[in-house]
Amino acid sequence: MDETQLAVPRPVSSAQRLTLVPTQPGTVHRTFADAAETRRSGPPWRRRERRMPAGLVHAAELVADRSLCGLPLDSLHEFGRSRYAFEHFEAHLRCSACHAAAGSPDS
């Protein structure tokens, strides 16, 4: 066998091997809705009532007193991001002005 066939690739320096992947921080929006409704959900032996958004879903910045479309947050119902993130609602359920102001986040 020829030596070139047995050659093992030489190790490269870490600077060449590892490069940082640039990340773009996503904008976090709080989720609000025009109204709240209560629905029963879960398996029958553990069924419970949960508060769910009703009407249009709005977004607001983390520290703000108005939604992105300009409505005062006092007149809207707030929902937690862990269960009801603004980005996870379908576009037709979102307020169109908030959707555009948030940069049209996809679900």
PDB file of N, CA and C in Angstrom:
ATOM      1  N   MET A   1       0.825  -1.190   0.000  1.00  0.00           N
ATOM      2  CA  MET A   1       0.000   0.000   0.000  1.00  0.00           C
ATOM      3  C   MET A   1       0.861   1.241   0.000  1.00  0.00           C
ATOM      4  N   ASP A   2       0.338   2.240  -0.611  1.00  0.00           N
ATOM      5  CA  ASP A   2       1.003   3.532  -0.727  1.00  0.00           C
ATOM      6  C   ASP A   2       0.789   4.335   0.555  1.00  0.00           C
ATOM      7  N   GLU A   3       1.768   5.180   0.930  1.00  0.00           N
ATOM      8  CA  GLU A   3       1.647   5.985   2.147  1.00  0.00           C
ATOM      9  C   GLU A   3       0.511   6.996   2.056  1.00  0.00           C
ATOM     10  N   THR A   4       0.213   7.480   0.887  1.00  0.00           N
ATOM     11  CA  THR A   4      -0.865   8.473   0.748  1.00  0.00           C
ATOM     12  C   THR A   4      -2.225   7.854   1.046  1.00  0.00           C
ATOM     13  N   GLN A   5      -2.382   6.548   0.824  1.00  0.00           N
ATOM     14  CA  GLN A   5      -3.651   5.894   1.118  1.00  0.00           C
ATOM     15  C   GLN A   5      -3.847   5.713   2.617  1.00  0.00           C
ATOM     16  N   LEU A   6      -2.757   5.601   3.371  1.00  0.00           N
ATOM     17  CA  LEU A   6      -2.841   5.397   4.807  1.00  0.00           C
ATOM     18  C   LEU A   6      -2.809   6.713   5.596  1.00  0.00           C
ATOM     19  N   ALA A   7      -2.653   7.791   4.903  1.00  0.00           N
ATOM     20  CA  ALA A   7      -2.516   9.079   5.590  1.00  0.00           C
ATOM     21  C   ALA A   7      -3.797   9.439   6.338  1.00  0.00           C
ATOM     22  N   VAL A   8      -3.626   9.846   7.565  1.00  0.00           N
ATOM     23  CA  VAL A   8      -4.740  10.279   8.409  1.00  0.00           C
ATOM     24  C   VAL A   8      -4.774  11.800   8.366  1.00  0.00           C
ATOM     25  N   PRO A   9      -5.956  12.391   8.275  1.00  0.00           N
ATOM     26  CA  PRO A   9      -5.993  13.854   8.214  1.00  0.00           C
ATOM     27  C   PRO A   9      -5.392  14.459   9.478  1.00  0.00           C
ATOM     28  N   ARG A  10      -4.642  15.506   9.283  1.00  0.00           N
ATOM     29  CA  ARG A  10      -3.986  16.171  10.400  1.00  0.00           C
ATOM     30  C   ARG A  10      -5.028  16.938  11.218  1.00  0.00           C
ATOM     31  N   PRO A  11      -4.816  17.020  12.501  1.00  0.00           N
ATOM     32  CA  PRO A  11      -5.735  17.815  13.309  1.00  0.00           C
ATOM     33  C   PRO A  11      -5.614  19.294  12.944  1.00  0.00           C
ATOM     34  N   VAL A  12      -6.730  19.975  13.016  1.00  0.00           N
ATOM     35  CA  VAL A  12      -6.728  21.411  12.722  1.00  0.00           C
ATOM     36  C   VAL A  12      -6.889  22.164  14.027  1.00  0.00           C
ATOM     37  N   SER A  13      -6.459  23.388  14.015  1.00  0.00           N
ATOM     38  CA  SER A  13      -6.559  24.180  15.239  1.00  0.00           C
ATOM     39  C   SER A  13      -8.029  24.450  15.577  1.00  0.00           C
ATOM     40  N   SER A  14      -8.286  24.726  16.842  1.00  0.00           N
ATOM     41  CA  SER A  14      -9.666  24.933  17.271  1.00  0.00           C
ATOM     42  C   SER A  14     -10.288  26.160  16.611  1.00  0.00           C
ATOM     43  N   ALA A  15      -9.496  27.151  16.293  1.00  0.00           N
ATOM     44  CA  ALA A  15     -10.030  28.348  15.639  1.00  0.00           C
ATOM     45  C   ALA A  15     -10.592  28.012  14.262  1.00  0.00           C
ATOM     46  N   GLN A  16      -9.998  27.054  13.579  1.00  0.00           N
ATOM     47  CA  GLN A  16     -10.498  26.656  12.273  1.00  0.00           C
ATOM     48  C   GLN A  16     -11.660  25.670  12.397  1.00  0.00           C
ATOM     49  N   ARG A  17     -11.627  24.863  13.448  1.00  0.00           N
ATOM     50  CA  ARG A  17     -12.624  23.824  13.606  1.00  0.00           C
ATOM     51  C   ARG A  17     -13.922  24.353  14.231  1.00  0.00           C
ATOM     52  N   LEU A  18     -13.797  25.224  15.214  1.00  0.00           N
ATOM     53  CA  LEU A  18     -14.973  25.730  15.914  1.00  0.00           C
ATOM     54  C   LEU A  18     -15.216  27.189  15.551  1.00  0.00           C
ATOM     55  N   THR A  19     -16.377  27.467  15.080  1.00  0.00           N
ATOM     56  CA  THR A  19     -16.742  28.850  14.803  1.00  0.00           C
ATOM     57  C   THR A  19     -18.054  29.137  15.510  1.00  0.00           C
ATOM     58  N   LEU A  20     -18.207  30.338  15.954  1.00  0.00           N
ATOM     59  CA  LEU A  20     -19.439  30.718  16.617  1.00  0.00           C
ATOM     60  C   LEU A  20     -20.541  30.922  15.595  1.00  0.00           C
ATOM     61  N   VAL A  21     -21.690  30.427  15.927  1.00  0.00           N
ATOM     62  CA  VAL A  21     -22.846  30.611  15.064  1.00  0.00           C
ATOM     63  C   VAL A  21     -23.579  31.851  15.560  1.00  0.00           C
ATOM     64  N   PRO A  22     -23.723  32.857  14.721  1.00  0.00           N
ATOM     65  CA  PRO A  22     -24.405  34.063  15.191  1.00  0.00           C
ATOM     66  C   PRO A  22     -25.874  33.763  15.476  1.00  0.00           C
ATOM     67  N   THR A  23     -26.331  34.231  16.603  1.00  0.00           N
ATOM     68  CA  THR A  23     -27.734  34.053  16.943  1.00  0.00           C
ATOM     69  C   THR A  23     -28.424  35.401  16.934  1.00  0.00           C
ATOM     70  N   GLN A  24     -29.640  35.399  16.498  1.00  0.00           N
ATOM     71  CA  GLN A  24     -30.429  36.616  16.506  1.00  0.00           C
ATOM     72  C   GLN A  24     -31.453  36.483  17.615  1.00  0.00           C
ATOM     73  N   PRO A  25     -31.337  37.329  18.629  1.00  0.00           N
ATOM     74  CA  PRO A  25     -32.290  37.206  19.717  1.00  0.00           C
ATOM     75  C   PRO A  25     -33.697  37.532  19.235  1.00  0.00           C
ATOM     76  N   GLY A  26     -34.623  36.656  19.535  1.00  0.00           N
ATOM     77  CA  GLY A  26     -36.002  36.895  19.153  1.00  0.00           C
ATOM     78  C   GLY A  26     -36.647  37.890  20.105  1.00  0.00           C
ATOM     79  N   THR A  27     -37.532  38.683  19.598  1.00  0.00           N
ATOM     80  CA  THR A  27     -38.231  39.633  20.429  1.00  0.00           C
ATOM     81  C   THR A  27     -39.333  38.892  21.179  1.00  0.00           C
ATOM     82  N   VAL A  28     -39.369  39.086  22.470  1.00  0.00           N
ATOM     83  CA  VAL A  28     -40.372  38.430  23.292  1.00  0.00           C
ATOM     84  C   VAL A  28     -41.543  39.382  23.484  1.00  0.00           C
ATOM     85  N   HIS A  29     -42.733  38.888  23.201  1.00  0.00           N
ATOM     86  CA  HIS A  29     -43.945  39.680  23.370  1.00  0.00           C
ATOM     87  C   HIS A  29     -44.858  39.038  24.398  1.00  0.00           C
ATOM     88  N   ARG A  30     -45.493  39.858  25.199  1.00  0.00           N
ATOM     89  CA  ARG A  30     -46.520  39.364  26.112  1.00  0.00           C
ATOM     90  C   ARG A  30     -47.799  39.164  25.314  1.00  0.00           C
ATOM     91  N   THR A  31     -48.621  38.210  25.734  1.00  0.00           N
ATOM     92  CA  THR A  31     -49.836  37.847  25.002  1.00  0.00           C
ATOM     93  C   THR A  31     -51.073  38.341  25.732  1.00  0.00           C
ATOM     94  N   PHE A  32     -51.943  39.007  24.993  1.00  0.00           N
ATOM     95  CA  PHE A  32     -53.207  39.519  25.516  1.00  0.00           C
ATOM     96  C   PHE A  32     -54.317  39.135  24.549  1.00  0.00           C
ATOM     97  N   ALA A  33     -55.557  39.164  25.026  1.00  0.00           N
ATOM     98  CA  ALA A  33     -56.704  38.877  24.159  1.00  0.00           C
ATOM     99  C   ALA A  33     -57.844  39.820  24.525  1.00  0.00           C
ATOM    100  N   ASP A  34     -58.768  39.972  23.565  1.00  0.00           N
ATOM    101  CA  ASP A  34     -59.933  40.828  23.787  1.00  0.00           C
ATOM    102  C   ASP A  34     -60.782  40.318  24.944  1.00  0.00           C
ATOM    103  N   ALA A  35     -60.874  39.001  25.081  1.00  0.00           N
ATOM    104  CA  ALA A  35     -61.715  38.401  26.118  1.00  0.00           C
ATOM    105  C   ALA A  35     -61.086  37.085  26.562  1.00  0.00           C
ATOM    106  N   ALA A  36     -61.620  36.535  27.631  1.00  0.00           N
ATOM    107  CA  ALA A  36     -61.181  35.233  28.120  1.00  0.00           C
ATOM    108  C   ALA A  36     -62.401  34.347  28.262  1.00  0.00           C
ATOM    109  N   GLU A  37     -62.239  33.083  27.907  1.00  0.00           N
ATOM    110  CA  GLU A  37     -63.332  32.130  28.097  1.00  0.00           C
ATOM    111  C   GLU A  37     -62.781  30.924  28.861  1.00  0.00           C
ATOM    112  N   THR A  38     -63.662  30.217  29.499  1.00  0.00           N
ATOM    113  CA  THR A  38     -63.275  29.049  30.281  1.00  0.00           C
ATOM    114  C   THR A  38     -63.724  27.792  29.555  1.00  0.00           C
ATOM    115  N   ARG A  39     -62.799  26.852  29.390  1.00  0.00           N
ATOM    116  CA  ARG A  39     -63.115  25.568  28.751  1.00  0.00           C
ATOM    117  C   ARG A  39     -62.625  24.449  29.653  1.00  0.00           C
ATOM    118  N   ARG A  40     -63.354  23.355  29.622  1.00  0.00           N
ATOM    119  CA  ARG A  40     -62.922  22.171  30.363  1.00  0.00           C
ATOM    120  C   ARG A  40     -62.030  21.343  29.445  1.00  0.00           C
ATOM    121  N   SER A  41     -60.882  20.921  29.966  1.00  0.00           N
ATOM    122  CA  SER A  41     -59.971  20.131  29.148  1.00  0.00           C
ATOM    123  C   SER A  41     -59.251  19.112  30.020  1.00  0.00           C
ATOM    124  N   GLY A  42     -58.656  18.142  29.359  1.00  0.00           N
ATOM    125  CA  GLY A  42     -57.917  17.099  30.050  1.00  0.00           C
ATOM    126  C   GLY A  42     -58.691  15.792  30.051  1.00  0.00           C
ATOM    127  N   PRO A  43     -58.052  14.729  30.527  1.00  0.00           N
ATOM    128  CA  PRO A  43     -58.739  13.434  30.583  1.00  0.00           C
ATOM    129  C   PRO A  43     -59.892  13.489  31.589  1.00  0.00           C
ATOM    130  N   PRO A  44     -60.912  12.669  31.403  1.00  0.00           N
ATOM    131  CA  PRO A  44     -62.105  12.735  32.266  1.00  0.00           C
ATOM    132  C   PRO A  44     -61.798  12.623  33.760  1.00  0.00           C
ATOM    133  N   TRP A  45     -60.830  11.829  34.148  1.00  0.00           N
ATOM    134  CA  TRP A  45     -60.545  11.663  35.575  1.00  0.00           C
ATOM    135  C   TRP A  45     -59.769  12.846  36.158  1.00  0.00           C
ATOM    136  N   ARG A  46     -59.259  13.736  35.290  1.00  0.00           N
ATOM    137  CA  ARG A  46     -58.495  14.887  35.764  1.00  0.00           C
ATOM    138  C   ARG A  46     -58.920  16.155  35.026  1.00  0.00           C
ATOM    139  N   ARG A  47     -60.136  16.187  34.586  1.00  0.00           N
ATOM    140  CA  ARG A  47     -60.628  17.316  33.797  1.00  0.00           C
ATOM    141  C   ARG A  47     -60.690  18.564  34.681  1.00  0.00           C
ATOM    142  N   ARG A  48     -60.253  19.674  34.122  1.00  0.00           N
ATOM    143  CA  ARG A  48     -60.313  20.935  34.847  1.00  0.00           C
ATOM    144  C   ARG A  48     -60.626  22.071  33.913  1.00  0.00           C
ATOM    145  N   GLU A  49     -61.043  23.159  34.481  1.00  0.00           N
ATOM    146  CA  GLU A  49     -61.367  24.331  33.679  1.00  0.00           C
ATOM    147  C   GLU A  49     -60.103  25.153  33.473  1.00  0.00           C
ATOM    148  N   ARG A  50     -59.931  25.635  32.254  1.00  0.00           N
ATOM    149  CA  ARG A  50     -58.779  26.467  31.914  1.00  0.00           C
ATOM    150  C   ARG A  50     -59.263  27.753  31.245  1.00  0.00           C
ATOM    151  N   ARG A  51     -58.565  28.814  31.540  1.00  0.00           N
ATOM    152  CA  ARG A  51     -58.833  30.095  30.904  1.00  0.00           C
ATOM    153  C   ARG A  51     -58.148  30.128  29.548  1.00  0.00           C
ATOM    154  N   MET A  52     -58.888  30.500  28.512  1.00  0.00           N
ATOM    155  CA  MET A  52     -58.339  30.530  27.160  1.00  0.00           C
ATOM    156  C   MET A  52     -58.645  31.872  26.510  1.00  0.00           C
ATOM    157  N   PRO A  53     -57.785  32.313  25.587  1.00  0.00           N
ATOM    158  CA  PRO A  53     -58.047  33.567  24.885  1.00  0.00           C
ATOM    159  C   PRO A  53     -59.264  33.459  23.982  1.00  0.00           C
ATOM    160  N   ALA A  54     -60.038  34.526  23.936  1.00  0.00           N
ATOM    161  CA  ALA A  54     -61.187  34.607  23.030  1.00  0.00           C
ATOM    162  C   ALA A  54     -61.099  35.948  22.307  1.00  0.00           C
ATOM    163  N   GLY A  55     -61.578  35.986  21.099  1.00  0.00           N
ATOM    164  CA  GLY A  55     -61.454  37.210  20.301  1.00  0.00           C
ATOM    165  C   GLY A  55     -60.065  37.303  19.703  1.00  0.00           C
ATOM    166  N   LEU A  56     -59.674  38.501  19.325  1.00  0.00           N
ATOM    167  CA  LEU A  56     -58.344  38.694  18.723  1.00  0.00           C
ATOM    168  C   LEU A  56     -57.261  38.621  19.783  1.00  0.00           C
ATOM    169  N   VAL A  57     -56.100  38.104  19.383  1.00  0.00           N
ATOM    170  CA  VAL A  57     -54.943  38.012  20.263  1.00  0.00           C
ATOM    171  C   VAL A  57     -54.011  39.176  19.947  1.00  0.00           C
ATOM    172  N   HIS A  58     -53.583  39.871  20.990  1.00  0.00           N
ATOM    173  CA  HIS A  58     -52.724  41.048  20.839  1.00  0.00           C
ATOM    174  C   HIS A  58     -51.357  40.767  21.450  1.00  0.00           C
ATOM    175  N   ALA A  59     -50.364  41.563  21.070  1.00  0.00           N
ATOM    176  CA  ALA A  59     -49.011  41.441  21.615  1.00  0.00           C
ATOM    177  C   ALA A  59     -48.606  42.766  22.232  1.00  0.00           C
ATOM    178  N   ALA A  60     -47.767  42.681  23.243  1.00  0.00           N
ATOM    179  CA  ALA A  60     -47.214  43.887  23.872  1.00  0.00           C
ATOM    180  C   ALA A  60     -45.768  43.597  24.230  1.00  0.00           C
ATOM    181  N   GLU A  61     -44.958  44.645  24.282  1.00  0.00           N
ATOM    182  CA  GLU A  61     -43.574  44.468  24.694  1.00  0.00           C
ATOM    183  C   GLU A  61     -43.548  44.154  26.179  1.00  0.00           C
ATOM    184  N   LEU A  62     -42.406  43.640  26.649  1.00  0.00           N
ATOM    185  CA  LEU A  62     -42.327  43.192  28.032  1.00  0.00           C
ATOM    186  C   LEU A  62     -42.646  44.298  29.033  1.00  0.00           C
ATOM    187  N   VAL A  63     -42.148  45.484  28.802  1.00  0.00           N
ATOM    188  CA  VAL A  63     -42.423  46.610  29.696  1.00  0.00           C
ATOM    189  C   VAL A  63     -43.174  47.655  28.880  1.00  0.00           C
ATOM    190  N   ALA A  64     -44.495  47.578  28.920  1.00  0.00           N
ATOM    191  CA  ALA A  64     -45.320  48.515  28.159  1.00  0.00           C
ATOM    192  C   ALA A  64     -46.681  48.621  28.824  1.00  0.00           C
ATOM    193  N   ASP A  65     -47.363  49.729  28.567  1.00  0.00           N
ATOM    194  CA  ASP A  65     -48.721  49.883  29.095  1.00  0.00           C
ATOM    195  C   ASP A  65     -49.759  49.836  27.983  1.00  0.00           C
ATOM    196  N   ARG A  66     -49.290  49.642  26.738  1.00  0.00           N
ATOM    197  CA  ARG A  66     -50.184  49.516  25.586  1.00  0.00           C
ATOM    198  C   ARG A  66     -49.728  48.353  24.713  1.00  0.00           C
ATOM    199  N   SER A  67     -50.671  47.768  23.990  1.00  0.00           N
ATOM    200  CA  SER A  67     -50.317  46.698  23.047  1.00  0.00           C
ATOM    201  C   SER A  67     -49.617  47.312  21.843  1.00  0.00           C
ATOM    202  N   LEU A  68     -49.093  46.487  20.973  1.00  0.00           N
ATOM    203  CA  LEU A  68     -48.394  46.998  19.792  1.00  0.00           C
ATOM    204  C   LEU A  68     -49.334  47.771  18.859  1.00  0.00           C
ATOM    205  N   CYS A  69     -50.638  47.498  18.948  1.00  0.00           N
ATOM    206  CA  CYS A  69     -51.592  48.218  18.108  1.00  0.00           C
ATOM    207  C   CYS A  69     -52.129  49.478  18.803  1.00  0.00           C
ATOM    208  N   GLY A  70     -51.718  49.715  20.049  1.00  0.00           N
ATOM    209  CA  GLY A  70     -52.094  50.944  20.732  1.00  0.00           C
ATOM    210  C   GLY A  70     -53.204  50.814  21.764  1.00  0.00           C
ATOM    211  N   LEU A  71     -53.785  49.635  21.940  1.00  0.00           N
ATOM    212  CA  LEU A  71     -54.841  49.464  22.946  1.00  0.00           C
ATOM    213  C   LEU A  71     -54.236  49.458  24.343  1.00  0.00           C
ATOM    214  N   PRO A  72     -54.913  50.079  25.317  1.00  0.00           N
ATOM    215  CA  PRO A  72     -54.399  50.020  26.685  1.00  0.00           C
ATOM    216  C   PRO A  72     -54.510  48.593  27.229  1.00  0.00           C
ATOM    217  N   LEU A  73     -53.481  48.144  27.918  1.00  0.00           N
ATOM    218  CA  LEU A  73     -53.453  46.769  28.419  1.00  0.00           C
ATOM    219  C   LEU A  73     -54.481  46.538  29.523  1.00  0.00           C
ATOM    220  N   ASP A  74     -54.939  47.620  30.162  1.00  0.00           N
ATOM    221  CA  ASP A  74     -55.963  47.487  31.201  1.00  0.00           C
ATOM    222  C   ASP A  74     -57.270  46.940  30.642  1.00  0.00           C
ATOM    223  N   SER A  75     -57.524  47.168  29.351  1.00  0.00           N
ATOM    224  CA  SER A  75     -58.778  46.718  28.751  1.00  0.00           C
ATOM    225  C   SER A  75     -58.689  45.310  28.156  1.00  0.00           C
ATOM    226  N   LEU A  76     -57.501  44.683  28.233  1.00  0.00           N
ATOM    227  CA  LEU A  76     -57.294  43.349  27.654  1.00  0.00           C
ATOM    228  C   LEU A  76     -56.998  42.329  28.750  1.00  0.00           C
ATOM    229  N   HIS A  77     -57.119  41.058  28.409  1.00  0.00           N
ATOM    230  CA  HIS A  77     -56.836  39.955  29.330  1.00  0.00           C
ATOM    231  C   HIS A  77     -55.461  39.386  29.000  1.00  0.00           C
ATOM    232  N   GLU A  78     -54.600  39.273  30.017  1.00  0.00           N
ATOM    233  CA  GLU A  78     -53.242  38.768  29.786  1.00  0.00           C
ATOM    234  C   GLU A  78     -53.189  37.251  29.955  1.00  0.00           C
ATOM    235  N   PHE A  79     -52.359  36.602  29.121  1.00  0.00           N
ATOM    236  CA  PHE A  79     -52.163  35.154  29.171  1.00  0.00           C
ATOM    237  C   PHE A  79     -50.679  34.866  29.236  1.00  0.00           C
ATOM    238  N   GLY A  80     -50.303  33.807  29.938  1.00  0.00           N
ATOM    239  CA  GLY A  80     -48.899  33.457  30.114  1.00  0.00           C
ATOM    240  C   GLY A  80     -48.241  32.976  28.832  1.00  0.00           C
ATOM    241  N   ARG A  81     -46.961  33.263  28.690  1.00  0.00           N
ATOM    242  CA  ARG A  81     -46.228  32.861  27.484  1.00  0.00           C
ATOM    243  C   ARG A  81     -45.959  31.372  27.441  1.00  0.00           C
ATOM    244  N   SER A  82     -45.888  30.718  28.570  1.00  0.00           N
ATOM    245  CA  SER A  82     -45.559  29.291  28.538  1.00  0.00           C
ATOM    246  C   SER A  82     -46.637  28.495  27.814  1.00  0.00           C
ATOM    247  N   ARG A  83     -47.887  28.861  27.979  1.00  0.00           N
ATOM    248  CA  ARG A  83     -48.972  28.139  27.318  1.00  0.00           C
ATOM    249  C   ARG A  83     -49.493  28.883  26.094  1.00  0.00           C
ATOM    250  N   TYR A  84     -49.493  30.192  26.128  1.00  0.00           N
ATOM    251  CA  TYR A  84     -50.111  30.984  25.052  1.00  0.00           C
ATOM    252  C   TYR A  84     -49.121  32.017  24.503  1.00  0.00           C
ATOM    253  N   ALA A  85     -48.095  31.564  23.825  1.00  0.00           N
ATOM    254  CA  ALA A  85     -47.142  32.492  23.212  1.00  0.00           C
ATOM    255  C   ALA A  85     -47.779  33.128  21.978  1.00  0.00           C
ATOM    256  N   PHE A  86     -47.604  34.431  21.809  1.00  0.00           N
ATOM    257  CA  PHE A  86     -48.201  35.156  20.684  1.00  0.00           C
ATOM    258  C   PHE A  86     -47.812  34.526  19.351  1.00  0.00           C
ATOM    259  N   GLU A  87     -46.564  34.086  19.230  1.00  0.00           N
ATOM    260  CA  GLU A  87     -46.063  33.531  17.971  1.00  0.00           C
ATOM    261  C   GLU A  87     -46.740  32.213  17.596  1.00  0.00           C
ATOM    262  N   HIS A  88     -47.352  31.539  18.555  1.00  0.00           N
ATOM    263  CA  HIS A  88     -47.955  30.234  18.273  1.00  0.00           C
ATOM    264  C   HIS A  88     -49.398  30.319  17.792  1.00  0.00           C
ATOM    265  N   PHE A  89     -49.994  31.485  17.850  1.00  0.00           N
ATOM    266  CA  PHE A  89     -51.363  31.644  17.351  1.00  0.00           C
ATOM    267  C   PHE A  89     -51.332  31.802  15.830  1.00  0.00           C
ATOM    268  N   GLU A  90     -52.328  31.261  15.177  1.00  0.00           N
ATOM    269  CA  GLU A  90     -52.420  31.399  13.727  1.00  0.00           C
ATOM    270  C   GLU A  90     -52.664  32.868  13.377  1.00  0.00           C
ATOM    271  N   ALA A  91     -52.223  33.266  12.204  1.00  0.00           N
ATOM    272  CA  ALA A  91     -52.283  34.674  11.805  1.00  0.00           C
ATOM    273  C   ALA A  91     -53.706  35.222  11.812  1.00  0.00           C
ATOM    274  N   HIS A  92     -54.711  34.422  11.469  1.00  0.00           N
ATOM    275  CA  HIS A  92     -56.071  34.948  11.415  1.00  0.00           C
ATOM    276  C   HIS A  92     -56.662  35.177  12.816  1.00  0.00           C
ATOM    277  N   LEU A  93     -56.028  34.633  13.859  1.00  0.00           N
ATOM    278  CA  LEU A  93     -56.488  34.866  15.228  1.00  0.00           C
ATOM    279  C   LEU A  93     -55.812  36.078  15.862  1.00  0.00           C
ATOM    280  N   ARG A  94     -54.736  36.547  15.262  1.00  0.00           N
ATOM    281  CA  ARG A  94     -53.987  37.691  15.800  1.00  0.00           C
ATOM    282  C   ARG A  94     -54.571  39.010  15.299  1.00  0.00           C
ATOM    283  N   CYS A  95     -54.406  40.036  16.115  1.00  0.00           N
ATOM    284  CA  CYS A  95     -54.733  41.393  15.678  1.00  0.00           C
ATOM    285  C   CYS A  95     -53.787  41.719  14.518  1.00  0.00           C
ATOM    286  N   SER A  96     -54.316  42.199  13.406  1.00  0.00           N
ATOM    287  CA  SER A  96     -53.464  42.421  12.222  1.00  0.00           C
ATOM    288  C   SER A  96     -52.416  43.499  12.472  1.00  0.00           C
ATOM    289  N   ALA A  97     -52.747  44.520  13.256  1.00  0.00           N
ATOM    290  CA  ALA A  97     -51.771  45.581  13.549  1.00  0.00           C
ATOM    291  C   ALA A  97     -50.652  45.049  14.447  1.00  0.00           C
ATOM    292  N   CYS A  98     -51.000  44.250  15.454  1.00  0.00           N
ATOM    293  CA  CYS A  98     -49.981  43.653  16.327  1.00  0.00           C
ATOM    294  C   CYS A  98     -49.120  42.663  15.540  1.00  0.00           C
ATOM    295  N   HIS A  99     -49.750  41.913  14.665  1.00  0.00           N
ATOM    296  CA  HIS A  99     -49.035  40.945  13.832  1.00  0.00           C
ATOM    297  C   HIS A  99     -47.994  41.646  12.973  1.00  0.00           C
ATOM    298  N   ALA A 100     -48.383  42.755  12.356  1.00  0.00           N
ATOM    299  CA  ALA A 100     -47.442  43.512  11.514  1.00  0.00           C
ATOM    300  C   ALA A 100     -46.361  44.184  12.357  1.00  0.00           C
ATOM    301  N   ALA A 101     -46.745  44.756  13.502  1.00  0.00           N
ATOM    302  CA  ALA A 101     -45.771  45.448  14.355  1.00  0.00           C
ATOM    303  C   ALA A 101     -44.771  44.477  14.977  1.00  0.00           C
ATOM    304  N   ALA A 102     -45.173  43.232  15.187  1.00  0.00           N
ATOM    305  CA  ALA A 102     -44.290  42.222  15.769  1.00  0.00           C
ATOM    306  C   ALA A 102     -43.365  41.618  14.722  1.00  0.00           C
ATOM    307  N   GLY A 103     -43.484  42.044  13.496  1.00  0.00           N
ATOM    308  CA  GLY A 103     -42.637  41.518  12.440  1.00  0.00           C
ATOM    309  C   GLY A 103     -43.179  40.264  11.813  1.00  0.00           C
ATOM    310  N   SER A 104     -44.485  40.030  11.905  1.00  0.00           N
ATOM    311  CA  SER A 104     -45.168  38.869  11.347  1.00  0.00           C
ATOM    312  C   SER A 104     -44.497  37.561  11.742  1.00  0.00           C
ATOM    313  N   PRO A 105     -44.394  37.295  13.071  1.00  0.00           N
ATOM    314  CA  PRO A 105     -43.750  36.039  13.488  1.00  0.00           C
ATOM    315  C   PRO A 105     -44.552  34.837  13.041  1.00  0.00           C
ATOM    316  N   ASP A 106     -43.849  33.837  12.566  1.00  0.00           N
ATOM    317  CA  ASP A 106     -44.515  32.606  12.112  1.00  0.00           C
ATOM    318  C   ASP A 106     -44.710  31.678  13.288  1.00  0.00           C
ATOM    319  N   SER A 107     -45.705  30.826  13.154  1.00  0.00           N
ATOM    320  CA  SER A 107     -45.937  29.849  14.224  1.00  0.00           C
ATOM    321  C   SER A 107     -45.099  28.614  14.043  1.00  0.00           C
TER     322      SER A 107
END
